[in-house]
């Protein structure tokens, strides 16, 4: 899949940004925002997307939080040390890529 992948530290500062060839240029900013949201709120961005789908639209008022699946916190010994954000395909597919990246970084199979 043609995606942009952003990795941020626990404060949301960009550590790495990779945009695959043929990816829409706007996906870079979206991947960064998904990573920032996952790190800043210490939870997957899917939590916000699900809340809105369930009718909790007040979440839309949280400044700079992007409520789209594809952002996953990175954990080390139970602590959030950063996050990965992916954008470029559907939100669900972005989530699959982000989880795979987070699992790989954590050494999970």
N, C-alpha and C. Protein backbone atom coordinates (compact mmCIF):
# COMPACT_ATOMS: atom_id res chain seq x y z
N UNK A 1 0.83 -1.19 0.00
CA UNK A 1 0.00 0.00 0.00
C UNK A 1 0.87 1.25 0.00
N UNK A 2 0.45 2.25 -0.73
CA UNK A 2 1.16 3.52 -0.76
C UNK A 2 0.73 4.36 0.44
N UNK A 3 1.59 4.42 1.44
CA UNK A 3 1.26 5.13 2.67
C UNK A 3 2.42 6.01 3.11
N UNK A 4 2.08 6.94 3.98
CA UNK A 4 3.08 7.70 4.72
C UNK A 4 3.08 7.15 6.15
N UNK A 5 4.28 7.00 6.72
CA UNK A 5 4.43 6.48 8.07
C UNK A 5 5.25 7.47 8.87
N UNK A 6 4.68 7.93 9.98
CA UNK A 6 5.37 8.85 10.87
C UNK A 6 5.59 8.19 12.22
N UNK A 7 6.76 8.41 12.80
CA UNK A 7 7.05 7.96 14.16
C UNK A 7 7.42 9.20 14.96
N UNK A 8 6.80 9.35 16.13
CA UNK A 8 7.08 10.48 17.01
C UNK A 8 7.53 9.97 18.37
N UNK A 9 8.20 10.83 19.13
CA UNK A 9 8.57 10.47 20.51
C UNK A 9 7.37 10.71 21.42
N UNK A 10 7.56 10.51 22.72
CA UNK A 10 6.45 10.62 23.67
C UNK A 10 5.88 12.03 23.75
N UNK A 11 6.61 13.03 23.30
CA UNK A 11 6.13 14.42 23.30
C UNK A 11 5.53 14.83 21.96
N UNK A 12 5.53 13.90 20.99
CA UNK A 12 4.95 14.19 19.68
C UNK A 12 5.92 14.77 18.67
N UNK A 13 7.22 14.80 19.01
CA UNK A 13 8.22 15.31 18.07
C UNK A 13 8.57 14.23 17.05
N UNK A 14 8.67 14.63 15.78
CA UNK A 14 8.91 13.67 14.70
C UNK A 14 10.31 13.06 14.82
N UNK A 15 10.35 11.74 14.80
CA UNK A 15 11.60 11.00 14.77
C UNK A 15 11.88 10.52 13.35
N UNK A 16 10.82 10.07 12.66
CA UNK A 16 10.97 9.51 11.33
C UNK A 16 9.70 9.76 10.53
N UNK A 17 9.88 10.05 9.25
CA UNK A 17 8.75 10.17 8.33
C UNK A 17 9.17 9.50 7.03
N UNK A 18 8.37 8.53 6.60
CA UNK A 18 8.64 7.83 5.35
C UNK A 18 7.39 7.89 4.49
N UNK A 19 7.53 8.44 3.28
CA UNK A 19 6.41 8.49 2.34
C UNK A 19 6.79 7.62 1.16
N UNK A 20 6.03 6.57 0.94
CA UNK A 20 6.32 5.66 -0.15
C UNK A 20 6.03 6.32 -1.49
N UNK A 21 6.74 5.92 -2.52
CA UNK A 21 6.53 6.47 -3.86
C UNK A 21 5.07 6.30 -4.28
N UNK A 22 4.52 7.32 -4.88
CA UNK A 22 3.15 7.27 -5.38
C UNK A 22 2.10 7.62 -4.34
N UNK A 23 2.53 7.92 -3.12
CA UNK A 23 1.58 8.28 -2.06
C UNK A 23 1.16 9.73 -2.22
N UNK A 24 -0.10 10.02 -1.95
CA UNK A 24 -0.58 11.40 -2.01
C UNK A 24 0.22 12.25 -1.03
N UNK A 25 0.63 13.43 -1.42
CA UNK A 25 1.49 14.24 -0.55
C UNK A 25 0.80 14.66 0.73
N UNK A 26 -0.51 14.77 0.75
CA UNK A 26 -1.24 15.17 1.95
C UNK A 26 -1.21 14.12 3.06
N UNK A 27 -0.88 12.88 2.70
CA UNK A 27 -0.88 11.83 3.71
C UNK A 27 0.25 12.00 4.72
N UNK A 28 1.30 12.70 4.35
CA UNK A 28 2.41 12.91 5.28
C UNK A 28 1.92 13.68 6.51
N UNK A 29 1.21 14.76 6.29
CA UNK A 29 0.69 15.55 7.42
C UNK A 29 -0.31 14.76 8.25
N UNK A 30 -1.15 13.97 7.59
CA UNK A 30 -2.14 13.18 8.30
C UNK A 30 -1.46 12.12 9.16
N UNK A 31 -0.43 11.47 8.64
CA UNK A 31 0.27 10.44 9.42
C UNK A 31 0.93 11.06 10.65
N UNK A 32 1.50 12.24 10.50
CA UNK A 32 2.11 12.93 11.64
C UNK A 32 1.05 13.25 12.69
N UNK A 33 -0.10 13.74 12.25
CA UNK A 33 -1.16 14.10 13.19
C UNK A 33 -1.72 12.87 13.91
N UNK A 34 -1.83 11.75 13.20
CA UNK A 34 -2.29 10.51 13.85
C UNK A 34 -1.28 10.07 14.91
N UNK A 35 0.00 10.13 14.57
CA UNK A 35 1.04 9.74 15.55
C UNK A 35 1.01 10.68 16.74
N UNK A 36 0.89 11.98 16.50
CA UNK A 36 0.85 12.97 17.58
C UNK A 36 -0.34 12.70 18.50
N UNK A 37 -1.50 12.41 17.91
CA UNK A 37 -2.70 12.14 18.71
C UNK A 37 -2.51 10.90 19.57
N UNK A 38 -1.97 9.83 18.99
CA UNK A 38 -1.76 8.58 19.74
C UNK A 38 -0.77 8.78 20.88
N UNK A 39 0.29 9.55 20.65
CA UNK A 39 1.27 9.80 21.70
C UNK A 39 0.70 10.73 22.77
N UNK A 40 0.06 11.79 22.34
CA UNK A 40 -0.45 12.79 23.27
C UNK A 40 -1.56 12.29 24.18
N UNK A 41 -2.39 11.41 23.66
CA UNK A 41 -3.51 10.91 24.45
C UNK A 41 -3.28 9.47 24.95
N UNK A 42 -2.11 8.92 24.60
CA UNK A 42 -1.68 7.59 25.08
C UNK A 42 -2.70 6.51 24.79
N UNK A 43 -3.25 6.56 23.58
CA UNK A 43 -4.21 5.54 23.15
C UNK A 43 -4.30 5.55 21.63
N UNK A 44 -4.75 4.45 21.06
CA UNK A 44 -4.90 4.40 19.60
C UNK A 44 -5.94 5.42 19.13
N UNK A 45 -5.72 5.98 17.98
CA UNK A 45 -6.67 6.96 17.44
C UNK A 45 -8.01 6.32 17.11
N UNK A 46 -8.04 5.02 16.96
CA UNK A 46 -9.30 4.31 16.70
C UNK A 46 -10.29 4.54 17.84
N UNK A 47 -9.81 4.75 19.05
CA UNK A 47 -10.68 5.02 20.19
C UNK A 47 -11.53 6.26 19.92
N UNK A 48 -10.92 7.29 19.35
CA UNK A 48 -11.64 8.52 19.04
C UNK A 48 -12.61 8.30 17.88
N UNK A 49 -12.16 7.58 16.86
CA UNK A 49 -13.03 7.31 15.71
C UNK A 49 -14.27 6.53 16.16
N UNK A 50 -14.07 5.51 17.01
CA UNK A 50 -15.18 4.71 17.51
C UNK A 50 -16.13 5.54 18.37
N UNK A 51 -15.58 6.44 19.16
CA UNK A 51 -16.42 7.28 20.02
C UNK A 51 -17.33 8.17 19.16
N UNK A 52 -16.77 8.74 18.11
CA UNK A 52 -17.58 9.59 17.23
C UNK A 52 -18.64 8.77 16.52
N UNK A 53 -18.26 7.57 16.05
CA UNK A 53 -19.23 6.69 15.40
C UNK A 53 -20.36 6.32 16.37
N UNK A 54 -20.04 6.28 17.66
CA UNK A 54 -21.04 5.98 18.68
C UNK A 54 -21.84 7.19 19.14
N UNK A 55 -21.59 8.35 18.53
CA UNK A 55 -22.37 9.54 18.84
C UNK A 55 -21.72 10.56 19.74
N UNK A 56 -20.48 10.31 20.19
CA UNK A 56 -19.79 11.26 21.08
C UNK A 56 -19.08 12.34 20.25
N UNK A 57 -19.85 13.20 19.62
CA UNK A 57 -19.29 14.21 18.73
C UNK A 57 -18.54 15.31 19.46
N UNK A 58 -18.67 15.40 20.77
CA UNK A 58 -17.93 16.41 21.53
C UNK A 58 -16.43 16.22 21.34
N UNK A 59 -16.02 15.02 21.02
CA UNK A 59 -14.59 14.73 20.78
C UNK A 59 -14.05 15.59 19.64
N UNK A 60 -14.90 15.96 18.72
CA UNK A 60 -14.46 16.81 17.60
C UNK A 60 -13.95 18.16 18.08
N UNK A 61 -14.30 18.54 19.30
CA UNK A 61 -13.84 19.80 19.87
C UNK A 61 -12.46 19.73 20.50
N UNK A 62 -11.86 18.55 20.57
CA UNK A 62 -10.52 18.43 21.13
C UNK A 62 -9.53 18.92 20.08
N UNK A 63 -8.91 20.03 20.39
CA UNK A 63 -8.00 20.66 19.43
C UNK A 63 -6.83 19.76 19.07
N UNK A 64 -6.55 19.65 17.82
CA UNK A 64 -5.42 18.92 17.25
C UNK A 64 -5.52 17.41 17.35
N UNK A 65 -6.57 16.86 17.95
CA UNK A 65 -6.72 15.41 18.00
C UNK A 65 -7.38 14.95 16.70
N UNK A 66 -6.77 13.97 16.04
CA UNK A 66 -7.31 13.47 14.78
C UNK A 66 -8.02 12.14 15.04
N UNK A 67 -9.35 12.14 14.92
CA UNK A 67 -10.12 10.95 15.27
C UNK A 67 -10.27 9.97 14.10
N UNK A 68 -9.15 9.54 13.54
CA UNK A 68 -9.16 8.56 12.46
C UNK A 68 -8.21 7.42 12.82
N UNK A 69 -8.63 6.19 12.58
CA UNK A 69 -7.79 5.04 12.86
C UNK A 69 -6.49 5.13 12.08
N UNK A 70 -5.40 4.66 12.70
CA UNK A 70 -4.10 4.67 12.04
C UNK A 70 -2.99 5.22 12.91
N UNK A 71 -3.31 5.62 14.13
CA UNK A 71 -2.31 6.06 15.09
C UNK A 71 -2.27 5.10 16.26
N UNK A 72 -1.07 4.62 16.62
CA UNK A 72 -0.92 3.64 17.69
C UNK A 72 0.24 4.04 18.59
N UNK A 73 0.02 4.06 19.92
CA UNK A 73 1.13 4.36 20.82
C UNK A 73 2.20 3.26 20.77
N UNK A 74 3.43 3.65 21.03
CA UNK A 74 4.54 2.70 21.14
C UNK A 74 4.86 2.56 22.62
N UNK A 75 4.87 1.33 23.10
CA UNK A 75 5.06 1.06 24.51
C UNK A 75 6.40 0.38 24.77
N UNK A 76 7.02 0.75 25.88
CA UNK A 76 8.21 0.08 26.37
C UNK A 76 8.03 -0.08 27.86
N UNK A 77 7.99 -1.33 28.31
CA UNK A 77 7.77 -1.64 29.72
C UNK A 77 6.51 -0.96 30.27
N UNK A 78 5.48 -0.96 29.46
CA UNK A 78 4.19 -0.40 29.87
C UNK A 78 4.07 1.10 29.79
N UNK A 79 5.11 1.78 29.36
CA UNK A 79 5.10 3.24 29.25
C UNK A 79 5.05 3.66 27.78
N UNK A 80 4.30 4.71 27.49
CA UNK A 80 4.26 5.25 26.13
C UNK A 80 5.57 5.99 25.87
N UNK A 81 6.31 5.55 24.88
CA UNK A 81 7.59 6.18 24.53
C UNK A 81 7.52 6.87 23.17
N UNK A 82 6.37 6.82 22.55
CA UNK A 82 6.19 7.44 21.24
C UNK A 82 4.94 6.89 20.60
N UNK A 83 4.84 7.09 19.29
CA UNK A 83 3.68 6.59 18.56
C UNK A 83 4.01 6.50 17.08
N UNK A 84 3.23 5.71 16.38
CA UNK A 84 3.35 5.57 14.94
C UNK A 84 2.02 5.98 14.33
N UNK A 85 2.08 6.70 13.23
CA UNK A 85 0.88 7.11 12.51
C UNK A 85 1.02 6.76 11.05
N UNK A 86 -0.06 6.26 10.46
CA UNK A 86 -0.05 5.83 9.07
C UNK A 86 -1.24 6.45 8.35
N UNK A 87 -1.02 6.89 7.11
CA UNK A 87 -2.09 7.43 6.30
C UNK A 87 -1.82 7.13 4.83
N UNK A 88 -2.89 6.87 4.09
CA UNK A 88 -2.73 6.67 2.66
C UNK A 88 -3.75 5.73 2.06
N UNK A 89 -4.31 4.84 2.87
CA UNK A 89 -5.34 3.94 2.38
C UNK A 89 -6.57 4.16 3.25
N UNK A 90 -7.43 3.18 3.44
CA UNK A 90 -8.58 3.41 4.32
C UNK A 90 -8.10 3.50 5.77
N UNK A 91 -8.90 4.07 6.63
CA UNK A 91 -8.53 4.17 8.04
C UNK A 91 -8.25 2.80 8.63
N UNK A 92 -9.07 1.82 8.28
CA UNK A 92 -8.88 0.47 8.81
C UNK A 92 -7.53 -0.10 8.33
N UNK A 93 -7.20 0.09 7.06
CA UNK A 93 -5.92 -0.39 6.54
C UNK A 93 -4.76 0.38 7.16
N UNK A 94 -4.93 1.68 7.36
CA UNK A 94 -3.90 2.46 8.05
C UNK A 94 -3.65 1.87 9.43
N UNK A 95 -4.73 1.47 10.12
CA UNK A 95 -4.62 0.87 11.44
C UNK A 95 -3.86 -0.44 11.42
N UNK A 96 -4.07 -1.24 10.39
CA UNK A 96 -3.37 -2.52 10.25
C UNK A 96 -1.87 -2.27 10.11
N UNK A 97 -1.51 -1.31 9.26
CA UNK A 97 -0.09 -1.00 9.05
C UNK A 97 0.53 -0.44 10.34
N UNK A 98 -0.17 0.47 11.01
CA UNK A 98 0.35 1.06 12.25
C UNK A 98 0.56 0.00 13.32
N UNK A 99 -0.41 -0.91 13.46
CA UNK A 99 -0.28 -1.97 14.46
C UNK A 99 0.89 -2.89 14.11
N UNK A 100 1.05 -3.21 12.84
CA UNK A 100 2.17 -4.06 12.43
C UNK A 100 3.50 -3.39 12.76
N UNK A 101 3.58 -2.08 12.52
CA UNK A 101 4.80 -1.34 12.86
C UNK A 101 5.05 -1.31 14.35
N UNK A 102 4.02 -1.07 15.13
CA UNK A 102 4.17 -1.03 16.58
C UNK A 102 4.56 -2.40 17.12
N UNK A 103 3.94 -3.45 16.58
CA UNK A 103 4.27 -4.81 17.02
C UNK A 103 5.71 -5.15 16.66
N UNK A 104 6.15 -4.76 15.48
CA UNK A 104 7.53 -5.02 15.05
C UNK A 104 8.51 -4.31 15.97
N UNK A 105 8.23 -3.05 16.27
CA UNK A 105 9.13 -2.29 17.15
C UNK A 105 9.17 -2.88 18.56
N UNK A 106 8.06 -3.45 18.98
CA UNK A 106 8.01 -4.04 20.33
C UNK A 106 8.57 -5.46 20.35
N UNK A 107 8.89 -5.99 19.16
CA UNK A 107 9.43 -7.35 19.08
C UNK A 107 8.38 -8.42 19.12
N UNK A 108 7.12 -8.02 18.92
CA UNK A 108 6.02 -9.01 18.91
C UNK A 108 6.00 -9.73 17.56
N UNK A 109 5.47 -10.94 17.55
CA UNK A 109 5.39 -11.69 16.28
C UNK A 109 4.39 -11.07 15.33
